[in-house]
């Protein structure tokens, strides 16, 4: 995989299992199901989100995916359109995760 999870400190095996299952759903099952059934994809995405929420509640933290470090110099990387699109997707994902977390916390 080209990402690593960040944001979780020490966690028990149960929490790790939740995160592994969620990751499998997001990166394997949901992409496969997108071509078959929109309803099943939505249900899997919702289940994956529930797993993430449960893991966050157990650990008290949020998690974001980090891209693998690219060894290219910044100027070279900035000219790589595909890489910039990938990084933009990460930033958009981080924005959604952080916004959702802040919104949830503000309702407490």
PDB file of N, CA and C in Angstrom:
ATOM      1  N   UNK A   1       0.843  -1.189   0.000  1.00  0.00           N
ATOM      2  CA  UNK A   1       0.000   0.000   0.000  1.00  0.00           C
ATOM      3  C   UNK A   1       0.877   1.237   0.000  1.00  0.00           C
ATOM      4  N   UNK A   2       0.357   2.336  -0.522  1.00  0.00           N
ATOM      5  CA  UNK A   2       1.162   3.548  -0.608  1.00  0.00           C
ATOM      6  C   UNK A   2       0.884   4.511   0.533  1.00  0.00           C
ATOM      7  N   UNK A   3       0.216   4.048   1.586  1.00  0.00           N
ATOM      8  CA  UNK A   3      -0.072   4.916   2.714  1.00  0.00           C
ATOM      9  C   UNK A   3       0.235   4.214   4.012  1.00  0.00           C
ATOM     10  N   UNK A   4       0.297   5.034   5.052  1.00  0.00           N
ATOM     11  CA  UNK A   4       0.428   4.488   6.390  1.00  0.00           C
ATOM     12  C   UNK A   4      -0.554   5.225   7.271  1.00  0.00           C
ATOM     13  N   UNK A   5      -1.051   4.566   8.286  1.00  0.00           N
ATOM     14  CA  UNK A   5      -1.984   5.207   9.195  1.00  0.00           C
ATOM     15  C   UNK A   5      -1.189   5.986  10.223  1.00  0.00           C
ATOM     16  N   UNK A   6      -1.716   7.145  10.605  1.00  0.00           N
ATOM     17  CA  UNK A   6      -1.077   7.952  11.623  1.00  0.00           C
ATOM     18  C   UNK A   6      -2.156   8.487  12.545  1.00  0.00           C
ATOM     19  N   UNK A   7      -1.799   8.718  13.796  1.00  0.00           N
ATOM     20  CA  UNK A   7      -2.747   9.311  14.712  1.00  0.00           C
ATOM     21  C   UNK A   7      -3.113   8.397  15.863  1.00  0.00           C
ATOM     22  N   UNK A   8      -2.830   7.118  15.761  1.00  0.00           N
ATOM     23  CA  UNK A   8      -3.148   6.207  16.845  1.00  0.00           C
ATOM     24  C   UNK A   8      -1.904   5.953  17.666  1.00  0.00           C
ATOM     25  N   UNK A   9      -2.058   6.095  18.956  1.00  0.00           N
ATOM     26  CA  UNK A   9      -0.969   5.752  19.856  1.00  0.00           C
ATOM     27  C   UNK A   9      -1.016   4.266  20.133  1.00  0.00           C
ATOM     28  N   UNK A  10      -0.748   3.899  21.375  1.00  0.00           N
ATOM     29  CA  UNK A  10      -0.810   2.487  21.753  1.00  0.00           C
ATOM     30  C   UNK A  10      -2.254   2.031  21.686  1.00  0.00           C
ATOM     31  N   UNK A  11      -2.475   0.876  21.100  1.00  0.00           N
ATOM     32  CA  UNK A  11      -3.828   0.358  21.006  1.00  0.00           C
ATOM     33  C   UNK A  11      -3.801  -1.152  21.175  1.00  0.00           C
ATOM     34  N   UNK A  12      -4.892  -1.670  21.658  1.00  0.00           N
ATOM     35  CA  UNK A  12      -5.001  -3.108  21.872  1.00  0.00           C
ATOM     36  C   UNK A  12      -5.267  -3.841  20.575  1.00  0.00           C
ATOM     37  N   UNK A  13      -5.187  -5.170  20.611  1.00  0.00           N
ATOM     38  CA  UNK A  13      -5.398  -5.965  19.402  1.00  0.00           C
ATOM     39  C   UNK A  13      -6.806  -5.828  18.846  1.00  0.00           C
ATOM     40  N   UNK A  14      -7.803  -5.614  19.706  1.00  0.00           N
ATOM     41  CA  UNK A  14      -9.178  -5.447  19.224  1.00  0.00           C
ATOM     42  C   UNK A  14      -9.312  -4.213  18.354  1.00  0.00           C
ATOM     43  N   UNK A  15      -8.712  -3.118  18.788  1.00  0.00           N
ATOM     44  CA  UNK A  15      -8.763  -1.873  18.015  1.00  0.00           C
ATOM     45  C   UNK A  15      -8.014  -2.038  16.705  1.00  0.00           C
ATOM     46  N   UNK A  16      -6.862  -2.694  16.753  1.00  0.00           N
ATOM     47  CA  UNK A  16      -6.107  -2.939  15.521  1.00  0.00           C
ATOM     48  C   UNK A  16      -6.926  -3.761  14.539  1.00  0.00           C
ATOM     49  N   UNK A  17      -7.644  -4.763  15.051  1.00  0.00           N
ATOM     50  CA  UNK A  17      -8.482  -5.593  14.189  1.00  0.00           C
ATOM     51  C   UNK A  17      -9.590  -4.782  13.530  1.00  0.00           C
ATOM     52  N   UNK A  18     -10.191  -3.858  14.283  1.00  0.00           N
ATOM     53  CA  UNK A  18     -11.220  -2.984  13.705  1.00  0.00           C
ATOM     54  C   UNK A  18     -10.640  -2.162  12.556  1.00  0.00           C
ATOM     55  N   UNK A  19      -9.446  -1.631  12.771  1.00  0.00           N
ATOM     56  CA  UNK A  19      -8.812  -0.804  11.745  1.00  0.00           C
ATOM     57  C   UNK A  19      -8.418  -1.623  10.523  1.00  0.00           C
ATOM     58  N   UNK A  20      -7.955  -2.836  10.744  1.00  0.00           N
ATOM     59  CA  UNK A  20      -7.591  -3.713   9.619  1.00  0.00           C
ATOM     60  C   UNK A  20      -8.837  -4.039   8.803  1.00  0.00           C
ATOM     61  N   UNK A  21      -9.911  -4.397   9.487  1.00  0.00           N
ATOM     62  CA  UNK A  21     -11.156  -4.708   8.789  1.00  0.00           C
ATOM     63  C   UNK A  21     -11.663  -3.502   8.012  1.00  0.00           C
ATOM     64  N   UNK A  22     -11.622  -2.343   8.627  1.00  0.00           N
ATOM     65  CA  UNK A  22     -12.050  -1.118   7.952  1.00  0.00           C
ATOM     66  C   UNK A  22     -11.194  -0.848   6.725  1.00  0.00           C
ATOM     67  N   UNK A  23      -9.906  -1.044   6.853  1.00  0.00           N
ATOM     68  CA  UNK A  23      -8.989  -0.826   5.732  1.00  0.00           C
ATOM     69  C   UNK A  23      -9.277  -1.792   4.588  1.00  0.00           C
ATOM     70  N   UNK A  24      -9.535  -3.048   4.920  1.00  0.00           N
ATOM     71  CA  UNK A  24      -9.869  -4.039   3.887  1.00  0.00           C
ATOM     72  C   UNK A  24     -11.148  -3.626   3.168  1.00  0.00           C
ATOM     73  N   UNK A  25     -12.136  -3.188   3.934  1.00  0.00           N
ATOM     74  CA  UNK A  25     -13.386  -2.748   3.315  1.00  0.00           C
ATOM     75  C   UNK A  25     -13.141  -1.586   2.357  1.00  0.00           C
ATOM     76  N   UNK A  26     -12.400  -0.574   2.827  1.00  0.00           N
ATOM     77  CA  UNK A  26     -12.174   0.642   2.022  1.00  0.00           C
ATOM     78  C   UNK A  26     -11.331   0.388   0.783  1.00  0.00           C
ATOM     79  N   UNK A  27     -10.301  -0.427   0.932  1.00  0.00           N
ATOM     80  CA  UNK A  27      -9.314  -0.544  -0.141  1.00  0.00           C
ATOM     81  C   UNK A  27      -9.466  -1.786  -1.014  1.00  0.00           C
ATOM     82  N   UNK A  28     -10.320  -2.725  -0.594  1.00  0.00           N
ATOM     83  CA  UNK A  28     -10.498  -3.954  -1.386  1.00  0.00           C
ATOM     84  C   UNK A  28     -11.965  -4.149  -1.763  1.00  0.00           C
ATOM     85  N   UNK A  29     -12.807  -4.357  -0.750  1.00  0.00           N
ATOM     86  CA  UNK A  29     -14.201  -4.710  -1.035  1.00  0.00           C
ATOM     87  C   UNK A  29     -14.999  -3.585  -1.690  1.00  0.00           C
ATOM     88  N   UNK A  30     -14.899  -2.372  -1.168  1.00  0.00           N
ATOM     89  CA  UNK A  30     -15.690  -1.274  -1.732  1.00  0.00           C
ATOM     90  C   UNK A  30     -15.310  -1.008  -3.188  1.00  0.00           C
ATOM     91  N   UNK A  31     -14.014  -0.932  -3.525  1.00  0.00           N
ATOM     92  CA  UNK A  31     -13.687  -0.741  -4.952  1.00  0.00           C
ATOM     93  C   UNK A  31     -14.212  -1.869  -5.855  1.00  0.00           C
ATOM     94  N   UNK A  32     -14.202  -3.103  -5.355  1.00  0.00           N
ATOM     95  CA  UNK A  32     -14.723  -4.221  -6.145  1.00  0.00           C
ATOM     96  C   UNK A  32     -16.231  -4.076  -6.327  1.00  0.00           C
ATOM     97  N   UNK A  33     -16.922  -3.744  -5.251  1.00  0.00           N
ATOM     98  CA  UNK A  33     -18.383  -3.657  -5.284  1.00  0.00           C
ATOM     99  C   UNK A  33     -18.893  -2.455  -6.078  1.00  0.00           C
ATOM    100  N   UNK A  34     -18.065  -1.422  -6.238  1.00  0.00           N
ATOM    101  CA  UNK A  34     -18.497  -0.237  -6.993  1.00  0.00           C
ATOM    102  C   UNK A  34     -18.960  -0.613  -8.393  1.00  0.00           C
ATOM    103  N   UNK A  35     -18.373  -1.654  -8.942  1.00  0.00           N
ATOM    104  CA  UNK A  35     -18.714  -2.072 -10.296  1.00  0.00           C
ATOM    105  C   UNK A  35     -19.935  -2.977 -10.335  1.00  0.00           C
ATOM    106  N   UNK A  36     -20.387  -3.426  -9.167  1.00  0.00           N
ATOM    107  CA  UNK A  36     -21.488  -4.385  -9.118  1.00  0.00           C
ATOM    108  C   UNK A  36     -22.779  -3.773  -8.585  1.00  0.00           C
ATOM    109  N   UNK A  37     -22.720  -3.208  -7.387  1.00  0.00           N
ATOM    110  CA  UNK A  37     -23.943  -2.783  -6.716  1.00  0.00           C
ATOM    111  C   UNK A  37     -23.717  -1.497  -5.925  1.00  0.00           C
ATOM    112  N   UNK A  38     -24.438  -0.447  -6.305  1.00  0.00           N
ATOM    113  CA  UNK A  38     -24.323   0.823  -5.596  1.00  0.00           C
ATOM    114  C   UNK A  38     -24.828   0.692  -4.165  1.00  0.00           C
ATOM    115  N   UNK A  39     -25.914  -0.061  -3.981  1.00  0.00           N
ATOM    116  CA  UNK A  39     -26.491  -0.246  -2.654  1.00  0.00           C
ATOM    117  C   UNK A  39     -25.497  -0.949  -1.731  1.00  0.00           C
ATOM    118  N   UNK A  40     -24.860  -2.012  -2.210  1.00  0.00           N
ATOM    119  CA  UNK A  40     -23.899  -2.752  -1.395  1.00  0.00           C
ATOM    120  C   UNK A  40     -22.687  -1.866  -1.079  1.00  0.00           C
ATOM    121  N   UNK A  41     -22.242  -1.085  -2.042  1.00  0.00           N
ATOM    122  CA  UNK A  41     -21.120  -0.172  -1.819  1.00  0.00           C
ATOM    123  C   UNK A  41     -21.450   0.814  -0.707  1.00  0.00           C
ATOM    124  N   UNK A  42     -22.638   1.368  -0.740  1.00  0.00           N
ATOM    125  CA  UNK A  42     -23.056   2.323   0.295  1.00  0.00           C
ATOM    126  C   UNK A  42     -23.112   1.655   1.667  1.00  0.00           C
ATOM    127  N   UNK A  43     -23.618   0.442   1.723  1.00  0.00           N
ATOM    128  CA  UNK A  43     -23.690  -0.278   2.997  1.00  0.00           C
ATOM    129  C   UNK A  43     -22.300  -0.603   3.537  1.00  0.00           C
ATOM    130  N   UNK A  44     -21.393  -1.016   2.656  1.00  0.00           N
ATOM    131  CA  UNK A  44     -20.025  -1.309   3.086  1.00  0.00           C
ATOM    132  C   UNK A  44     -19.320  -0.044   3.569  1.00  0.00           C
ATOM    133  N   UNK A  45     -19.526   1.065   2.864  1.00  0.00           N
ATOM    134  CA  UNK A  45     -18.912   2.338   3.264  1.00  0.00           C
ATOM    135  C   UNK A  45     -19.434   2.772   4.636  1.00  0.00           C
ATOM    136  N   UNK A  46     -20.733   2.609   4.854  1.00  0.00           N
ATOM    137  CA  UNK A  46     -21.321   2.970   6.144  1.00  0.00           C
ATOM    138  C   UNK A  46     -20.752   2.081   7.260  1.00  0.00           C
ATOM    139  N   UNK A  47     -20.636   0.788   6.991  1.00  0.00           N
ATOM    140  CA  UNK A  47     -20.073  -0.142   7.978  1.00  0.00           C
ATOM    141  C   UNK A  47     -18.617   0.215   8.284  1.00  0.00           C
ATOM    142  N   UNK A  48     -17.858   0.525   7.245  1.00  0.00           N
ATOM    143  CA  UNK A  48     -16.460   0.910   7.421  1.00  0.00           C
ATOM    144  C   UNK A  48     -16.361   2.174   8.281  1.00  0.00           C
ATOM    145  N   UNK A  49     -17.230   3.124   8.033  1.00  0.00           N
ATOM    146  CA  UNK A  49     -17.250   4.357   8.819  1.00  0.00           C
ATOM    147  C   UNK A  49     -17.572   4.070  10.286  1.00  0.00           C
ATOM    148  N   UNK A  50     -18.498   3.152  10.518  1.00  0.00           N
ATOM    149  CA  UNK A  50     -18.848   2.762  11.887  1.00  0.00           C
ATOM    150  C   UNK A  50     -17.651   2.117  12.588  1.00  0.00           C
ATOM    151  N   UNK A  51     -16.929   1.273  11.863  1.00  0.00           N
ATOM    152  CA  UNK A  51     -15.724   0.666  12.438  1.00  0.00           C
ATOM    153  C   UNK A  51     -14.702   1.734  12.815  1.00  0.00           C
ATOM    154  N   UNK A  52     -14.495   2.699  11.918  1.00  0.00           N
ATOM    155  CA  UNK A  52     -13.561   3.793  12.204  1.00  0.00           C
ATOM    156  C   UNK A  52     -13.996   4.581  13.437  1.00  0.00           C
ATOM    157  N   UNK A  53     -15.291   4.913  13.500  1.00  0.00           N
ATOM    158  CA  UNK A  53     -15.807   5.666  14.646  1.00  0.00           C
ATOM    159  C   UNK A  53     -15.589   4.899  15.945  1.00  0.00           C
ATOM    160  N   UNK A  54     -15.828   3.603  15.915  1.00  0.00           N
ATOM    161  CA  UNK A  54     -15.634   2.779  17.107  1.00  0.00           C
ATOM    162  C   UNK A  54     -14.167   2.785  17.536  1.00  0.00           C
ATOM    163  N   UNK A  55     -13.268   2.625  16.562  1.00  0.00           N
ATOM    164  CA  UNK A  55     -11.833   2.651  16.885  1.00  0.00           C
ATOM    165  C   UNK A  55     -11.432   4.015  17.440  1.00  0.00           C
ATOM    166  N   UNK A  56     -11.987   5.075  16.893  1.00  0.00           N
ATOM    167  CA  UNK A  56     -11.668   6.428  17.391  1.00  0.00           C
ATOM    168  C   UNK A  56     -12.158   6.601  18.822  1.00  0.00           C
ATOM    169  N   UNK A  57     -13.354   6.087  19.117  1.00  0.00           N
ATOM    170  CA  UNK A  57     -13.889   6.210  20.466  1.00  0.00           C
ATOM    171  C   UNK A  57     -13.040   5.425  21.463  1.00  0.00           C
ATOM    172  N   UNK A  58     -12.567   4.267  21.048  1.00  0.00           N
ATOM    173  CA  UNK A  58     -11.749   3.434  21.939  1.00  0.00           C
ATOM    174  C   UNK A  58     -10.409   4.111  22.215  1.00  0.00           C
ATOM    175  N   UNK A  59      -9.792   4.665  21.192  1.00  0.00           N
ATOM    176  CA  UNK A  59      -8.464   5.259  21.360  1.00  0.00           C
ATOM    177  C   UNK A  59      -8.518   6.741  21.711  1.00  0.00           C
ATOM    178  N   UNK A  60      -9.641   7.391  21.431  1.00  0.00           N
ATOM    179  CA  UNK A  60      -9.766   8.816  21.714  1.00  0.00           C
ATOM    180  C   UNK A  60      -8.979   9.682  20.747  1.00  0.00           C
ATOM    181  N   UNK A  61      -8.698   9.168  19.570  1.00  0.00           N
ATOM    182  CA  UNK A  61      -7.918   9.921  18.599  1.00  0.00           C
ATOM    183  C   UNK A  61      -8.571   9.850  17.218  1.00  0.00           C
ATOM    184  N   UNK A  62      -8.041  10.628  16.299  1.00  0.00           N
ATOM    185  CA  UNK A  62      -8.460  10.513  14.906  1.00  0.00           C
ATOM    186  C   UNK A  62      -7.283   9.969  14.106  1.00  0.00           C
ATOM    187  N   UNK A  63      -7.574   9.471  12.942  1.00  0.00           N
ATOM    188  CA  UNK A  63      -6.535   8.869  12.116  1.00  0.00           C
ATOM    189  C   UNK A  63      -6.609   9.441  10.709  1.00  0.00           C
ATOM    190  N   UNK A  64      -5.454   9.737  10.153  1.00  0.00           N
ATOM    191  CA  UNK A  64      -5.401  10.182   8.760  1.00  0.00           C
ATOM    192  C   UNK A  64      -4.377   9.329   8.017  1.00  0.00           C
ATOM    193  N   UNK A  65      -4.634   9.148   6.723  1.00  0.00           N
ATOM    194  CA  UNK A  65      -3.687   8.403   5.896  1.00  0.00           C
ATOM    195  C   UNK A  65      -2.599   9.357   5.436  1.00  0.00           C
ATOM    196  N   UNK A  66      -1.370   8.879   5.481  1.00  0.00           N
ATOM    197  CA  UNK A  66      -0.232   9.667   5.017  1.00  0.00           C
ATOM    198  C   UNK A  66       0.376   9.003   3.786  1.00  0.00           C
ATOM    199  N   UNK A  67       0.707   9.804   2.769  1.00  0.00           N
ATOM    200  CA  UNK A  67       1.342   9.202   1.590  1.00  0.00           C
ATOM    201  C   UNK A  67       2.771   8.786   1.920  1.00  0.00           C
ATOM    202  N   UNK A  68       3.258   7.806   1.175  1.00  0.00           N
ATOM    203  CA  UNK A  68       4.666   7.435   1.303  1.00  0.00           C
ATOM    204  C   UNK A  68       5.517   8.632   0.889  1.00  0.00           C
ATOM    205  N   UNK A  69       6.639   8.793   1.529  1.00  0.00           N
ATOM    206  CA  UNK A  69       7.543   9.892   1.187  1.00  0.00           C
ATOM    207  C   UNK A  69       8.054   9.700  -0.231  1.00  0.00           C
ATOM    208  N   UNK A  70       7.982  10.760  -0.989  1.00  0.00           N
ATOM    209  CA  UNK A  70       8.487  10.745  -2.359  1.00  0.00           C
ATOM    210  C   UNK A  70       9.891  11.334  -2.329  1.00  0.00           C
ATOM    211  N   UNK A  71      10.847  10.646  -2.902  1.00  0.00           N
ATOM    212  CA  UNK A  71      12.239  11.102  -2.860  1.00  0.00           C
ATOM    213  C   UNK A  71      12.565  12.173  -3.881  1.00  0.00           C
ATOM    214  N   UNK A  72      11.612  12.506  -4.737  1.00  0.00           N
ATOM    215  CA  UNK A  72      11.859  13.523  -5.757  1.00  0.00           C
ATOM    216  C   UNK A  72      11.986  14.894  -5.094  1.00  0.00           C
ATOM    217  N   UNK A  73      12.860  15.735  -5.628  1.00  0.00           N
ATOM    218  CA  UNK A  73      12.951  17.109  -5.113  1.00  0.00           C
ATOM    219  C   UNK A  73      11.599  17.812  -5.258  1.00  0.00           C
ATOM    220  N   UNK A  74      11.334  18.772  -4.382  1.00  0.00           N
ATOM    221  CA  UNK A  74      10.036  19.453  -4.380  1.00  0.00           C
ATOM    222  C   UNK A  74       9.664  20.034  -5.741  1.00  0.00           C
ATOM    223  N   UNK A  75      10.607  20.653  -6.417  1.00  0.00           N
ATOM    224  CA  UNK A  75      10.305  21.264  -7.730  1.00  0.00           C
ATOM    225  C   UNK A  75       9.908  20.208  -8.753  1.00  0.00           C
ATOM    226  N   UNK A  76      10.567  19.076  -8.714  1.00  0.00           N
ATOM    227  CA  UNK A  76      10.242  17.981  -9.639  1.00  0.00           C
ATOM    228  C   UNK A  76       8.876  17.404  -9.293  1.00  0.00           C
ATOM    229  N   UNK A  77       8.642  17.176  -8.007  1.00  0.00           N
ATOM    230  CA  UNK A  77       7.357  16.625  -7.564  1.00  0.00           C
ATOM    231  C   UNK A  77       6.206  17.562  -7.920  1.00  0.00           C
ATOM    232  N   UNK A  78       6.423  18.866  -7.765  1.00  0.00           N
ATOM    233  CA  UNK A  78       5.372  19.844  -8.059  1.00  0.00           C
ATOM    234  C   UNK A  78       4.976  19.832  -9.531  1.00  0.00           C
ATOM    235  N   UNK A  79       5.857  19.404 -10.400  1.00  0.00           N
ATOM    236  CA  UNK A  79       5.564  19.343 -11.836  1.00  0.00           C
ATOM    237  C   UNK A  79       4.891  18.032 -12.234  1.00  0.00           C
ATOM    238  N   UNK A  80       4.844  17.070 -11.321  1.00  0.00           N
ATOM    239  CA  UNK A  80       4.249  15.766 -11.588  1.00  0.00           C
ATOM    240  C   UNK A  80       2.743  15.857 -11.317  1.00  0.00           C
ATOM    241  N   UNK A  81       1.962  16.000 -12.386  1.00  0.00           N
ATOM    242  CA  UNK A  81       0.522  16.223 -12.255  1.00  0.00           C
ATOM    243  C   UNK A  81      -0.165  15.075 -11.505  1.00  0.00           C
ATOM    244  N   UNK A  82       0.190  13.843 -11.821  1.00  0.00           N
ATOM    245  CA  UNK A  82      -0.422  12.676 -11.175  1.00  0.00           C
ATOM    246  C   UNK A  82      -0.150  12.687  -9.670  1.00  0.00           C
ATOM    247  N   UNK A  83       1.070  13.002  -9.287  1.00  0.00           N
ATOM    248  CA  UNK A  83       1.436  13.059  -7.874  1.00  0.00           C
ATOM    249  C   UNK A  83       0.684  14.178  -7.161  1.00  0.00           C
ATOM    250  N   UNK A  84       0.560  15.326  -7.815  1.00  0.00           N
ATOM    251  CA  UNK A  84      -0.151  16.454  -7.214  1.00  0.00           C
ATOM    252  C   UNK A  84      -1.638  16.146  -7.039  1.00  0.00           C
ATOM    253  N   UNK A  85      -2.223  15.429  -7.980  1.00  0.00           N
ATOM    254  CA  UNK A  85      -3.629  15.022  -7.857  1.00  0.00           C
ATOM    255  C   UNK A  85      -3.789  14.085  -6.665  1.00  0.00           C
ATOM    256  N   UNK A  86      -2.843  13.160  -6.511  1.00  0.00           N
ATOM    257  CA  UNK A  86      -2.869  12.230  -5.384  1.00  0.00           C
ATOM    258  C   UNK A  86      -2.761  12.987  -4.058  1.00  0.00           C
ATOM    259  N   UNK A  87      -1.826  13.942  -3.991  1.00  0.00           N
ATOM    260  CA  UNK A  87      -1.657  14.717  -2.762  1.00  0.00           C
ATOM    261  C   UNK A  87      -2.886  15.579  -2.481  1.00  0.00           C
ATOM    262  N   UNK A  88      -3.486  16.120  -3.512  1.00  0.00           N
ATOM    263  CA  UNK A  88      -4.700  16.918  -3.339  1.00  0.00           C
ATOM    264  C   UNK A  88      -5.823  16.056  -2.755  1.00  0.00           C
ATOM    265  N   UNK A  89      -5.917  14.815  -3.198  1.00  0.00           N
ATOM    266  CA  UNK A  89      -6.925  13.900  -2.661  1.00  0.00           C
ATOM    267  C   UNK A  89      -6.687  13.659  -1.169  1.00  0.00           C
ATOM    268  N   UNK A  90      -5.429  13.528  -0.775  1.00  0.00           N
ATOM    269  CA  UNK A  90      -5.121  13.360   0.647  1.00  0.00           C
ATOM    270  C   UNK A  90      -5.572  14.584   1.441  1.00  0.00           C
ATOM    271  N   UNK A  91      -5.262  15.759   0.941  1.00  0.00           N
ATOM    272  CA  UNK A  91      -5.633  16.993   1.643  1.00  0.00           C
ATOM    273  C   UNK A  91      -7.151  17.091   1.765  1.00  0.00           C
ATOM    274  N   UNK A  92      -7.869  16.749   0.701  1.00  0.00           N
ATOM    275  CA  UNK A  92      -9.335  16.774   0.758  1.00  0.00           C
ATOM    276  C   UNK A  92      -9.854  15.780   1.794  1.00  0.00           C
ATOM    277  N   UNK A  93      -9.255  14.591   1.830  1.00  0.00           N
ATOM    278  CA  UNK A  93      -9.653  13.579   2.815  1.00  0.00           C
ATOM    279  C   UNK A  93      -9.385  14.079   4.235  1.00  0.00           C
ATOM    280  N   UNK A  94      -8.198  14.668   4.446  1.00  0.00           N
ATOM    281  CA  UNK A  94      -7.864  15.192   5.773  1.00  0.00           C
ATOM    282  C   UNK A  94      -8.865  16.266   6.190  1.00  0.00           C
ATOM    283  N   UNK A  95      -9.217  17.131   5.253  1.00  0.00           N
ATOM    284  CA  UNK A  95     -10.166  18.199   5.540  1.00  0.00           C
ATOM    285  C   UNK A  95     -11.503  17.621   5.991  1.00  0.00           C
ATOM    286  N   UNK A  96     -11.988  16.604   5.309  1.00  0.00           N
ATOM    287  CA  UNK A  96     -13.263  15.972   5.673  1.00  0.00           C
ATOM    288  C   UNK A  96     -13.183  15.336   7.053  1.00  0.00           C
ATOM    289  N   UNK A  97     -12.103  14.616   7.315  1.00  0.00           N
ATOM    290  CA  UNK A  97     -11.944  13.930   8.602  1.00  0.00           C
ATOM    291  C   UNK A  97     -11.879  14.934   9.748  1.00  0.00           C
ATOM    292  N   UNK A  98     -11.078  15.958   9.578  1.00  0.00           N
ATOM    293  CA  UNK A  98     -10.913  16.960  10.639  1.00  0.00           C
ATOM    294  C   UNK A  98     -12.191  17.758  10.826  1.00  0.00           C
ATOM    295  N   UNK A  99     -12.849  18.134   9.743  1.00  0.00           N
ATOM    296  CA  UNK A  99     -14.113  18.877   9.845  1.00  0.00           C
ATOM    297  C   UNK A  99     -15.177  18.055  10.557  1.00  0.00           C
ATOM    298  N   UNK A 100     -15.295  16.786  10.202  1.00  0.00           N
ATOM    299  CA  UNK A 100     -16.281  15.909  10.842  1.00  0.00           C
ATOM    300  C   UNK A 100     -15.980  15.755  12.319  1.00  0.00           C
ATOM    301  N   UNK A 101     -14.699  15.604  12.650  1.00  0.00           N
ATOM    302  CA  UNK A 101     -14.308  15.458  14.045  1.00  0.00           C
ATOM    303  C   UNK A 101     -14.655  16.731  14.826  1.00  0.00           C
ATOM    304  N   UNK A 102     -14.320  17.899  14.282  1.00  0.00           N
ATOM    305  CA  UNK A 102     -14.597  19.159  14.956  1.00  0.00           C
ATOM    306  C   UNK A 102     -16.095  19.383  15.124  1.00  0.00           C
ATOM    307  N   UNK A 103     -16.857  19.026  14.100  1.00  0.00           N
ATOM    308  CA  UNK A 103     -18.308  19.171  14.183  1.00  0.00           C
ATOM    309  C   UNK A 103     -18.876  18.270  15.273  1.00  0.00           C
ATOM    310  N   UNK A 104     -18.395  17.028  15.313  1.00  0.00           N
ATOM    311  CA  UNK A 104     -18.865  16.066  16.319  1.00  0.00           C
ATOM    312  C   UNK A 104     -18.514  16.556  17.722  1.00  0.00           C
ATOM    313  N   UNK A 105     -17.296  17.079  17.879  1.00  0.00           N
ATOM    314  CA  UNK A 105     -16.860  17.558  19.190  1.00  0.00           C
ATOM    315  C   UNK A 105     -17.635  18.799  19.615  1.00  0.00           C
ATOM    316  N   UNK A 106     -18.007  19.644  18.671  1.00  0.00           N
ATOM    317  CA  UNK A 106     -18.727  20.866  19.026  1.00  0.00           C
ATOM    318  C   UNK A 106     -20.142  20.574  19.511  1.00  0.00           C
ATOM    319  N   UNK A 107     -20.678  19.392  19.193  1.00  0.00           N
ATOM    320  CA  UNK A 107     -22.030  19.000  19.611  1.00  0.00           C
ATOM    321  C   UNK A 107     -22.044  18.355  20.984  1.00  0.00           C
ATOM    322  N   UNK A 108     -20.880  18.117  21.543  1.00  0.00           N
ATOM    323  CA  UNK A 108     -20.809  17.483  22.882  1.00  0.00           C
ATOM    324  C   UNK A 108     -21.151  18.467  23.962  1.00  0.00           C
TER     325      UNK A 108
END
